[in-house]
Amino acid sequence: MIVGPLTIDTARRLVYVDGERADLTKREFDLLAVLAENAGVVLSRQRLLELVWGYDFDPGSNVVDVYVGYLRKRIDTPFGKRSIETVRGAGYRLRSE
């Protein structure tokens, strides 16, 4: 699957940014895969918790925010990109352009 500068090989669980491999943990990959499957769509923190972690966390939990931060450090910062967008008060979306 290709979304903007990202190439995501879900079968082999590999991610490339502009052709360069980015190493992700299992949970980071799962989060990115969900965002990529819904590229351009805003997903709430609660929906991401359901889809990635598979169960409800404490509503006050910041686990999604923490993992989005991890992803940004692995797929955005080293490559000078801004792939994951925060939609204030709504959630996150993966930019498709």
PDB file of N, CA and C in Angstrom:
ATOM      1  N   MET A   1       0.850  -1.154   0.000  1.00  0.00           N
ATOM      2  CA  MET A   1       0.000   0.000   0.000  1.00  0.00           C
ATOM      3  C   MET A   1       0.908   1.233   0.000  1.00  0.00           C
ATOM      4  N   ILE A   2       0.565   2.194  -0.831  1.00  0.00           N
ATOM      5  CA  ILE A   2       1.352   3.430  -0.924  1.00  0.00           C
ATOM      6  C   ILE A   2       0.460   4.595  -0.526  1.00  0.00           C
ATOM      7  N   VAL A   3       0.942   5.378   0.441  1.00  0.00           N
ATOM      8  CA  VAL A   3       0.229   6.568   0.906  1.00  0.00           C
ATOM      9  C   VAL A   3       1.247   7.693   0.974  1.00  0.00           C
ATOM     10  N   GLY A   4       1.125   8.646   0.069  1.00  0.00           N
ATOM     11  CA  GLY A   4       2.095   9.737   0.020  1.00  0.00           C
ATOM     12  C   GLY A   4       3.501   9.178  -0.139  1.00  0.00           C
ATOM     13  N   PRO A   5       4.430   9.579   0.730  1.00  0.00           N
ATOM     14  CA  PRO A   5       5.809   9.095   0.621  1.00  0.00           C
ATOM     15  C   PRO A   5       6.024   7.716   1.260  1.00  0.00           C
ATOM     16  N   LEU A   6       4.963   7.155   1.841  1.00  0.00           N
ATOM     17  CA  LEU A   6       5.082   5.886   2.559  1.00  0.00           C
ATOM     18  C   LEU A   6       4.710   4.698   1.689  1.00  0.00           C
ATOM     19  N   THR A   7       5.515   3.664   1.767  1.00  0.00           N
ATOM     20  CA  THR A   7       5.184   2.375   1.173  1.00  0.00           C
ATOM     21  C   THR A   7       5.097   1.398   2.334  1.00  0.00           C
ATOM     22  N   ILE A   8       3.937   0.784   2.495  1.00  0.00           N
ATOM     23  CA  ILE A   8       3.695  -0.108   3.629  1.00  0.00           C
ATOM     24  C   ILE A   8       3.422  -1.501   3.095  1.00  0.00           C
ATOM     25  N   ASP A   9       4.312  -2.421   3.436  1.00  0.00           N
ATOM     26  CA  ASP A   9       4.190  -3.821   3.037  1.00  0.00           C
ATOM     27  C   ASP A   9       3.603  -4.565   4.233  1.00  0.00           C
ATOM     28  N   THR A  10       2.280  -4.741   4.230  1.00  0.00           N
ATOM     29  CA  THR A  10       1.620  -5.344   5.377  1.00  0.00           C
ATOM     30  C   THR A  10       1.955  -6.823   5.534  1.00  0.00           C
ATOM     31  N   ALA A  11       2.209  -7.515   4.448  1.00  0.00           N
ATOM     32  CA  ALA A  11       2.537  -8.941   4.532  1.00  0.00           C
ATOM     33  C   ALA A  11       3.877  -9.158   5.225  1.00  0.00           C
ATOM     34  N   ARG A  12       4.852  -8.324   4.898  1.00  0.00           N
ATOM     35  CA  ARG A  12       6.188  -8.469   5.501  1.00  0.00           C
ATOM     36  C   ARG A  12       6.415  -7.500   6.659  1.00  0.00           C
ATOM     37  N   ARG A  13       5.405  -6.655   6.929  1.00  0.00           N
ATOM     38  CA  ARG A  13       5.450  -5.679   8.026  1.00  0.00           C
ATOM     39  C   ARG A  13       6.656  -4.746   7.904  1.00  0.00           C
ATOM     40  N   LEU A  14       6.831  -4.202   6.705  1.00  0.00           N
ATOM     41  CA  LEU A  14       7.923  -3.277   6.429  1.00  0.00           C
ATOM     42  C   LEU A  14       7.353  -1.927   5.998  1.00  0.00           C
ATOM     43  N   VAL A  15       8.083  -0.877   6.339  1.00  0.00           N
ATOM     44  CA  VAL A  15       7.683   0.482   5.963  1.00  0.00           C
ATOM     45  C   VAL A  15       8.877   1.181   5.332  1.00  0.00           C
ATOM     46  N   TYR A  16       8.609   1.874   4.231  1.00  0.00           N
ATOM     47  CA  TYR A  16       9.635   2.659   3.556  1.00  0.00           C
ATOM     48  C   TYR A  16       9.126   4.080   3.395  1.00  0.00           C
ATOM     49  N   VAL A  17       9.995   5.037   3.626  1.00  0.00           N
ATOM     50  CA  VAL A  17       9.686   6.450   3.423  1.00  0.00           C
ATOM     51  C   VAL A  17      10.592   6.924   2.299  1.00  0.00           C
ATOM     52  N   ASP A  18       9.977   7.288   1.176  1.00  0.00           N
ATOM     53  CA  ASP A  18      10.746   7.683  -0.010  1.00  0.00           C
ATOM     54  C   ASP A  18      11.826   6.651  -0.334  1.00  0.00           C
ATOM     55  N   GLY A  19      11.477   5.373  -0.206  1.00  0.00           N
ATOM     56  CA  GLY A  19      12.391   4.283  -0.563  1.00  0.00           C
ATOM     57  C   GLY A  19      13.353   3.858   0.527  1.00  0.00           C
ATOM     58  N   GLU A  20      13.429   4.605   1.618  1.00  0.00           N
ATOM     59  CA  GLU A  20      14.319   4.239   2.725  1.00  0.00           C
ATOM     60  C   GLU A  20      13.526   3.547   3.817  1.00  0.00           C
ATOM     61  N   ARG A  21      14.056   2.451   4.307  1.00  0.00           N
ATOM     62  CA  ARG A  21      13.356   1.659   5.316  1.00  0.00           C
ATOM     63  C   ARG A  21      13.309   2.378   6.666  1.00  0.00           C
ATOM     64  N   ALA A  22      12.148   2.305   7.293  1.00  0.00           N
ATOM     65  CA  ALA A  22      11.950   2.842   8.643  1.00  0.00           C
ATOM     66  C   ALA A  22      11.585   1.669   9.539  1.00  0.00           C
ATOM     67  N   ASP A  23      12.342   1.454  10.582  1.00  0.00           N
ATOM     68  CA  ASP A  23      12.085   0.345  11.502  1.00  0.00           C
ATOM     69  C   ASP A  23      11.050   0.758  12.540  1.00  0.00           C
ATOM     70  N   LEU A  24       9.991  -0.040  12.647  1.00  0.00           N
ATOM     71  CA  LEU A  24       8.919   0.231  13.594  1.00  0.00           C
ATOM     72  C   LEU A  24       8.708  -0.964  14.511  1.00  0.00           C
ATOM     73  N   THR A  25       8.228  -0.691  15.715  1.00  0.00           N
ATOM     74  CA  THR A  25       7.826  -1.763  16.612  1.00  0.00           C
ATOM     75  C   THR A  25       6.502  -2.337  16.109  1.00  0.00           C
ATOM     76  N   LYS A  26       6.074  -3.441  16.688  1.00  0.00           N
ATOM     77  CA  LYS A  26       4.811  -4.063  16.293  1.00  0.00           C
ATOM     78  C   LYS A  26       3.646  -3.086  16.449  1.00  0.00           C
ATOM     79  N   ARG A  27       3.556  -2.439  17.598  1.00  0.00           N
ATOM     80  CA  ARG A  27       2.437  -1.541  17.860  1.00  0.00           C
ATOM     81  C   ARG A  27       2.495  -0.305  16.963  1.00  0.00           C
ATOM     82  N   GLU A  28       3.681   0.219  16.723  1.00  0.00           N
ATOM     83  CA  GLU A  28       3.820   1.358  15.816  1.00  0.00           C
ATOM     84  C   GLU A  28       3.363   0.971  14.413  1.00  0.00           C
ATOM     85  N   PHE A  29       3.766  -0.217  13.965  1.00  0.00           N
ATOM     86  CA  PHE A  29       3.354  -0.679  12.639  1.00  0.00           C
ATOM     87  C   PHE A  29       1.839  -0.830  12.572  1.00  0.00           C
ATOM     88  N   ASP A  30       1.253  -1.441  13.606  1.00  0.00           N
ATOM     89  CA  ASP A  30      -0.198  -1.638  13.621  1.00  0.00           C
ATOM     90  C   ASP A  30      -0.937  -0.303  13.547  1.00  0.00           C
ATOM     91  N   LEU A  31      -0.457   0.682  14.293  1.00  0.00           N
ATOM     92  CA  LEU A  31      -1.077   2.009  14.275  1.00  0.00           C
ATOM     93  C   LEU A  31      -0.945   2.644  12.890  1.00  0.00           C
ATOM     94  N   LEU A  32       0.234   2.565  12.309  1.00  0.00           N
ATOM     95  CA  LEU A  32       0.439   3.133  10.982  1.00  0.00           C
ATOM     96  C   LEU A  32      -0.427   2.430   9.940  1.00  0.00           C
ATOM     97  N   ALA A  33      -0.543   1.123  10.029  1.00  0.00           N
ATOM     98  CA  ALA A  33      -1.362   0.366   9.070  1.00  0.00           C
ATOM     99  C   ALA A  33      -2.827   0.800   9.143  1.00  0.00           C
ATOM    100  N   VAL A  34      -3.346   0.994  10.341  1.00  0.00           N
ATOM    101  CA  VAL A  34      -4.737   1.455  10.499  1.00  0.00           C
ATOM    102  C   VAL A  34      -4.896   2.855   9.923  1.00  0.00           C
ATOM    103  N   LEU A  35      -3.959   3.739  10.227  1.00  0.00           N
ATOM    104  CA  LEU A  35      -4.025   5.089   9.664  1.00  0.00           C
ATOM    105  C   LEU A  35      -3.949   5.053   8.141  1.00  0.00           C
ATOM    106  N   ALA A  36      -3.096   4.189   7.596  1.00  0.00           N
ATOM    107  CA  ALA A  36      -2.940   4.094   6.140  1.00  0.00           C
ATOM    108  C   ALA A  36      -4.189   3.526   5.469  1.00  0.00           C
ATOM    109  N   GLU A  37      -4.810   2.539   6.099  1.00  0.00           N
ATOM    110  CA  GLU A  37      -6.045   1.973   5.539  1.00  0.00           C
ATOM    111  C   GLU A  37      -7.158   3.017   5.491  1.00  0.00           C
ATOM    112  N   ASN A  38      -7.034   4.025   6.328  1.00  0.00           N
ATOM    113  CA  ASN A  38      -8.028   5.103   6.411  1.00  0.00           C
ATOM    114  C   ASN A  38      -7.416   6.447   6.038  1.00  0.00           C
ATOM    115  N   ALA A  39      -6.458   6.439   5.127  1.00  0.00           N
ATOM    116  CA  ALA A  39      -5.738   7.663   4.751  1.00  0.00           C
ATOM    117  C   ALA A  39      -6.708   8.780   4.395  1.00  0.00           C
ATOM    118  N   GLY A  40      -6.438   9.950   4.962  1.00  0.00           N
ATOM    119  CA  GLY A  40      -7.277  11.114   4.705  1.00  0.00           C
ATOM    120  C   GLY A  40      -8.493  11.222   5.604  1.00  0.00           C
ATOM    121  N   VAL A  41      -8.783  10.152   6.346  1.00  0.00           N
ATOM    122  CA  VAL A  41      -9.943  10.122   7.234  1.00  0.00           C
ATOM    123  C   VAL A  41      -9.473  10.397   8.661  1.00  0.00           C
ATOM    124  N   VAL A  42     -10.192  11.250   9.368  1.00  0.00           N
ATOM    125  CA  VAL A  42      -9.850  11.537  10.761  1.00  0.00           C
ATOM    126  C   VAL A  42     -10.366  10.394  11.632  1.00  0.00           C
ATOM    127  N   LEU A  43      -9.446   9.807  12.411  1.00  0.00           N
ATOM    128  CA  LEU A  43      -9.815   8.739  13.350  1.00  0.00           C
ATOM    129  C   LEU A  43      -9.640   9.269  14.766  1.00  0.00           C
ATOM    130  N   SER A  44     -10.677   9.118  15.570  1.00  0.00           N
ATOM    131  CA  SER A  44     -10.613   9.585  16.955  1.00  0.00           C
ATOM    132  C   SER A  44      -9.660   8.702  17.756  1.00  0.00           C
ATOM    133  N   ARG A  45      -9.219   9.214  18.871  1.00  0.00           N
ATOM    134  CA  ARG A  45      -8.355   8.429  19.759  1.00  0.00           C
ATOM    135  C   ARG A  45      -9.063   7.148  20.184  1.00  0.00           C
ATOM    136  N   GLN A  46     -10.351   7.261  20.513  1.00  0.00           N
ATOM    137  CA  GLN A  46     -11.126   6.087  20.939  1.00  0.00           C
ATOM    138  C   GLN A  46     -11.178   5.043  19.837  1.00  0.00           C
ATOM    139  N   ARG A  47     -11.398   5.475  18.603  1.00  0.00           N
ATOM    140  CA  ARG A  47     -11.472   4.523  17.478  1.00  0.00           C
ATOM    141  C   ARG A  47     -10.117   3.856  17.254  1.00  0.00           C
ATOM    142  N   LEU A  48      -9.037   4.618  17.372  1.00  0.00           N
ATOM    143  CA  LEU A  48      -7.697   4.041  17.231  1.00  0.00           C
ATOM    144  C   LEU A  48      -7.416   3.033  18.338  1.00  0.00           C
ATOM    145  N   LEU A  49      -7.858   3.328  19.550  1.00  0.00           N
ATOM    146  CA  LEU A  49      -7.700   2.368  20.649  1.00  0.00           C
ATOM    147  C   LEU A  49      -8.407   1.060  20.321  1.00  0.00           C
ATOM    148  N   GLU A  50      -9.620   1.157  19.797  1.00  0.00           N
ATOM    149  CA  GLU A  50     -10.392  -0.037  19.445  1.00  0.00           C
ATOM    150  C   GLU A  50      -9.716  -0.833  18.331  1.00  0.00           C
ATOM    151  N   LEU A  51      -9.262  -0.134  17.288  1.00  0.00           N
ATOM    152  CA  LEU A  51      -8.705  -0.811  16.119  1.00  0.00           C
ATOM    153  C   LEU A  51      -7.288  -1.348  16.334  1.00  0.00           C
ATOM    154  N   VAL A  52      -6.476  -0.645  17.101  1.00  0.00           N
ATOM    155  CA  VAL A  52      -5.074  -1.031  17.266  1.00  0.00           C
ATOM    156  C   VAL A  52      -4.856  -1.864  18.520  1.00  0.00           C
ATOM    157  N   TRP A  53      -5.438  -1.429  19.625  1.00  0.00           N
ATOM    158  CA  TRP A  53      -5.218  -2.133  20.883  1.00  0.00           C
ATOM    159  C   TRP A  53      -6.286  -3.187  21.138  1.00  0.00           C
ATOM    160  N   GLY A  54      -7.424  -3.075  20.443  1.00  0.00           N
ATOM    161  CA  GLY A  54      -8.441  -4.109  20.498  1.00  0.00           C
ATOM    162  C   GLY A  54      -9.337  -4.095  21.715  1.00  0.00           C
ATOM    163  N   TYR A  55      -9.220  -3.120  22.548  1.00  0.00           N
ATOM    164  CA  TYR A  55     -10.101  -3.028  23.712  1.00  0.00           C
ATOM    165  C   TYR A  55     -10.094  -1.588  24.215  1.00  0.00           C
ATOM    166  N   ASP A  56     -10.983  -1.332  25.143  1.00  0.00           N
ATOM    167  CA  ASP A  56     -11.106   0.026  25.674  1.00  0.00           C
ATOM    168  C   ASP A  56     -10.061   0.292  26.731  1.00  0.00           C
ATOM    169  N   PHE A  57      -9.437   1.434  26.630  1.00  0.00           N
ATOM    170  CA  PHE A  57      -8.515   1.932  27.643  1.00  0.00           C
ATOM    171  C   PHE A  57      -9.276   2.957  28.460  1.00  0.00           C
ATOM    172  N   ASP A  58      -8.693   3.371  29.534  1.00  0.00           N
ATOM    173  CA  ASP A  58      -9.230   4.481  30.311  1.00  0.00           C
ATOM    174  C   ASP A  58      -9.365   5.681  29.376  1.00  0.00           C
ATOM    175  N   PRO A  59     -10.527   6.317  29.340  1.00  0.00           N
ATOM    176  CA  PRO A  59     -10.713   7.467  28.438  1.00  0.00           C
ATOM    177  C   PRO A  59      -9.669   8.566  28.631  1.00  0.00           C
ATOM    178  N   GLY A  60      -9.081   8.633  29.811  1.00  0.00           N
ATOM    179  CA  GLY A  60      -8.058   9.634  30.061  1.00  0.00           C
ATOM    180  C   GLY A  60      -6.675   9.205  29.616  1.00  0.00           C
ATOM    181  N   SER A  61      -6.559   7.995  29.071  1.00  0.00           N
ATOM    182  CA  SER A  61      -5.265   7.469  28.648  1.00  0.00           C
ATOM    183  C   SER A  61      -4.714   8.263  27.467  1.00  0.00           C
ATOM    184  N   ASN A  62      -3.401   8.445  27.467  1.00  0.00           N
ATOM    185  CA  ASN A  62      -2.773   9.155  26.353  1.00  0.00           C
ATOM    186  C   ASN A  62      -1.932   8.213  25.489  1.00  0.00           C
ATOM    187  N   VAL A  63      -2.223   6.916  25.544  1.00  0.00           N
ATOM    188  CA  VAL A  63      -1.420   5.933  24.817  1.00  0.00           C
ATOM    189  C   VAL A  63      -1.398   6.210  23.313  1.00  0.00           C
ATOM    190  N   VAL A  64      -2.510   6.640  22.740  1.00  0.00           N
ATOM    191  CA  VAL A  64      -2.541   6.934  21.305  1.00  0.00           C
ATOM    192  C   VAL A  64      -1.610   8.112  21.003  1.00  0.00           C
ATOM    193  N   ASP A  65      -1.687   9.149  21.812  1.00  0.00           N
ATOM    194  CA  ASP A  65      -0.834  10.320  21.608  1.00  0.00           C
ATOM    195  C   ASP A  65       0.643   9.943  21.702  1.00  0.00           C
ATOM    196  N   VAL A  66       0.965   9.099  22.662  1.00  0.00           N
ATOM    197  CA  VAL A  66       2.351   8.656  22.844  1.00  0.00           C
ATOM    198  C   VAL A  66       2.832   7.901  21.607  1.00  0.00           C
ATOM    199  N   TYR A  67       2.024   6.976  21.096  1.00  0.00           N
ATOM    200  CA  TYR A  67       2.443   6.194  19.935  1.00  0.00           C
ATOM    201  C   TYR A  67       2.468   7.004  18.651  1.00  0.00           C
ATOM    202  N   VAL A  68       1.594   7.986  18.530  1.00  0.00           N
ATOM    203  CA  VAL A  68       1.669   8.894  17.376  1.00  0.00           C
ATOM    204  C   VAL A  68       2.996   9.649  17.442  1.00  0.00           C
ATOM    205  N   GLY A  69       3.388  10.059  18.627  1.00  0.00           N
ATOM    206  CA  GLY A  69       4.688  10.719  18.806  1.00  0.00           C
ATOM    207  C   GLY A  69       5.843   9.819  18.400  1.00  0.00           C
ATOM    208  N   TYR A  70       5.775   8.546  18.807  1.00  0.00           N
ATOM    209  CA  TYR A  70       6.814   7.583  18.406  1.00  0.00           C
ATOM    210  C   TYR A  70       6.874   7.468  16.887  1.00  0.00           C
ATOM    211  N   LEU A  71       5.694   7.336  16.254  1.00  0.00           N
ATOM    212  CA  LEU A  71       5.648   7.211  14.789  1.00  0.00           C
ATOM    213  C   LEU A  71       6.242   8.434  14.108  1.00  0.00           C
ATOM    214  N   ARG A  72       5.891   9.598  14.596  1.00  0.00           N
ATOM    215  CA  ARG A  72       6.432  10.829  13.996  1.00  0.00           C
ATOM    216  C   ARG A  72       7.958  10.837  14.075  1.00  0.00           C
ATOM    217  N   LYS A  73       8.518  10.355  15.171  1.00  0.00           N
ATOM    218  CA  LYS A  73       9.975  10.322  15.316  1.00  0.00           C
ATOM    219  C   LYS A  73      10.621   9.322  14.365  1.00  0.00           C
ATOM    220  N   ARG A  74       9.868   8.326  13.936  1.00  0.00           N
ATOM    221  CA  ARG A  74      10.438   7.291  13.060  1.00  0.00           C
ATOM    222  C   ARG A  74      10.178   7.520  11.573  1.00  0.00           C
ATOM    223  N   ILE A  75       8.996   8.080  11.243  1.00  0.00           N
ATOM    224  CA  ILE A  75       8.673   8.216   9.809  1.00  0.00           C
ATOM    225  C   ILE A  75       8.624   9.655   9.320  1.00  0.00           C
ATOM    226  N   ASP A  76       8.581  10.602  10.218  1.00  0.00           N
ATOM    227  CA  ASP A  76       8.517  12.003   9.797  1.00  0.00           C
ATOM    228  C   ASP A  76       9.824  12.738  10.042  1.00  0.00           C
ATOM    229  N   THR A  77      10.224  12.847  11.275  1.00  0.00           N
ATOM    230  CA  THR A  77      11.390  13.650  11.653  1.00  0.00           C
ATOM    231  C   THR A  77      12.654  13.304  10.864  1.00  0.00           C
ATOM    232  N   PRO A  78      13.053  12.024  10.770  1.00  0.00           N
ATOM    233  CA  PRO A  78      14.303  11.721  10.059  1.00  0.00           C
ATOM    234  C   PRO A  78      14.248  12.043   8.563  1.00  0.00           C
ATOM    235  N   PHE A  79      13.032  12.101   8.016  1.00  0.00           N
ATOM    236  CA  PHE A  79      12.879  12.288   6.574  1.00  0.00           C
ATOM    237  C   PHE A  79      12.341  13.676   6.211  1.00  0.00           C
ATOM    238  N   GLY A  80      12.165  14.521   7.210  1.00  0.00           N
ATOM    239  CA  GLY A  80      11.657  15.868   6.954  1.00  0.00           C
ATOM    240  C   GLY A  80      10.229  15.878   6.439  1.00  0.00           C
ATOM    241  N   LYS A  81       9.414  14.961   6.915  1.00  0.00           N
ATOM    242  CA  LYS A  81       8.021  14.832   6.459  1.00  0.00           C
ATOM    243  C   LYS A  81       7.063  15.250   7.559  1.00  0.00           C
ATOM    244  N   ARG A  82       5.786  15.391   7.181  1.00  0.00           N
ATOM    245  CA  ARG A  82       4.698  15.631   8.131  1.00  0.00           C
ATOM    246  C   ARG A  82       3.519  14.771   7.684  1.00  0.00           C
ATOM    247  N   SER A  83       3.655  13.474   7.891  1.00  0.00           N
ATOM    248  CA  SER A  83       2.663  12.522   7.397  1.00  0.00           C
ATOM    249  C   SER A  83       1.423  12.423   8.262  1.00  0.00           C
ATOM    250  N   ILE A  84       1.607  12.487   9.579  1.00  0.00           N
ATOM    251  CA  ILE A  84       0.485  12.322  10.496  1.00  0.00           C
ATOM    252  C   ILE A  84       0.035  13.693  10.973  1.00  0.00           C
ATOM    253  N   GLU A  85      -1.228  13.970  10.721  1.00  0.00           N
ATOM    254  CA  GLU A  85      -1.790  15.269  11.048  1.00  0.00           C
ATOM    255  C   GLU A  85      -2.699  15.163  12.276  1.00  0.00           C
ATOM    256  N   THR A  86      -2.538  16.071  13.204  1.00  0.00           N
ATOM    257  CA  THR A  86      -3.428  16.161  14.358  1.00  0.00           C
ATOM    258  C   THR A  86      -4.594  17.055  13.980  1.00  0.00           C
ATOM    259  N   VAL A  87      -5.802  16.553  14.168  1.00  0.00           N
ATOM    260  CA  VAL A  87      -7.000  17.349  13.919  1.00  0.00           C
ATOM    261  C   VAL A  87      -7.549  17.689  15.300  1.00  0.00           C
ATOM    262  N   ARG A  88      -7.326  18.895  15.682  1.00  0.00           N
ATOM    263  CA  ARG A  88      -7.625  19.350  17.041  1.00  0.00           C
ATOM    264  C   ARG A  88      -9.056  19.012  17.465  1.00  0.00           C
ATOM    265  N   GLY A  89      -9.165  18.327  18.601  1.00  0.00           N
ATOM    266  CA  GLY A  89     -10.474  17.973  19.153  1.00  0.00           C
ATOM    267  C   GLY A  89     -11.142  16.790  18.478  1.00  0.00           C
ATOM    268  N   ALA A  90     -10.500  16.237  17.438  1.00  0.00           N
ATOM    269  CA  ALA A  90     -11.124  15.144  16.695  1.00  0.00           C
ATOM    270  C   ALA A  90     -10.272  13.875  16.651  1.00  0.00           C
ATOM    271  N   GLY A  91      -8.964  14.000  16.432  1.00  0.00           N
ATOM    272  CA  GLY A  91      -8.120  12.811  16.347  1.00  0.00           C
ATOM    273  C   GLY A  91      -6.948  13.015  15.410  1.00  0.00           C
ATOM    274  N   TYR A  92      -6.640  11.973  14.662  1.00  0.00           N
ATOM    275  CA  TYR A  92      -5.472  11.980  13.771  1.00  0.00           C
ATOM    276  C   TYR A  92      -5.868  11.470  12.389  1.00  0.00           C
ATOM    277  N   ARG A  93      -5.098  11.911  11.403  1.00  0.00           N
ATOM    278  CA  ARG A  93      -5.263  11.364  10.055  1.00  0.00           C
ATOM    279  C   ARG A  93      -3.902  11.307   9.383  1.00  0.00           C
ATOM    280  N   LEU A  94      -3.757  10.326   8.499  1.00  0.00           N
ATOM    281  CA  LEU A  94      -2.555  10.190   7.697  1.00  0.00           C
ATOM    282  C   LEU A  94      -2.786  10.954   6.410  1.00  0.00           C
ATOM    283  N   ARG A  95      -1.897  11.869   6.131  1.00  0.00           N
ATOM    284  CA  ARG A  95      -2.020  12.665   4.904  1.00  0.00           C
ATOM    285  C   ARG A  95      -1.790  11.768   3.697  1.00  0.00           C
ATOM    286  N   SER A  96      -2.636  11.900   2.714  1.00  0.00           N
ATOM    287  CA  SER A  96      -2.530  11.031   1.540  1.00  0.00           C
ATOM    288  C   SER A  96      -1.786  11.681   0.378  1.00  0.00           C
ATOM    289  N   GLU A  97      -1.391  12.938   0.520  1.00  0.00           N
ATOM    290  CA  GLU A  97      -0.655  13.586  -0.579  1.00  0.00           C
ATOM    291  C   GLU A  97       0.803  13.686  -0.263  1.00  0.00           C
TER     292      GLU A  97
END
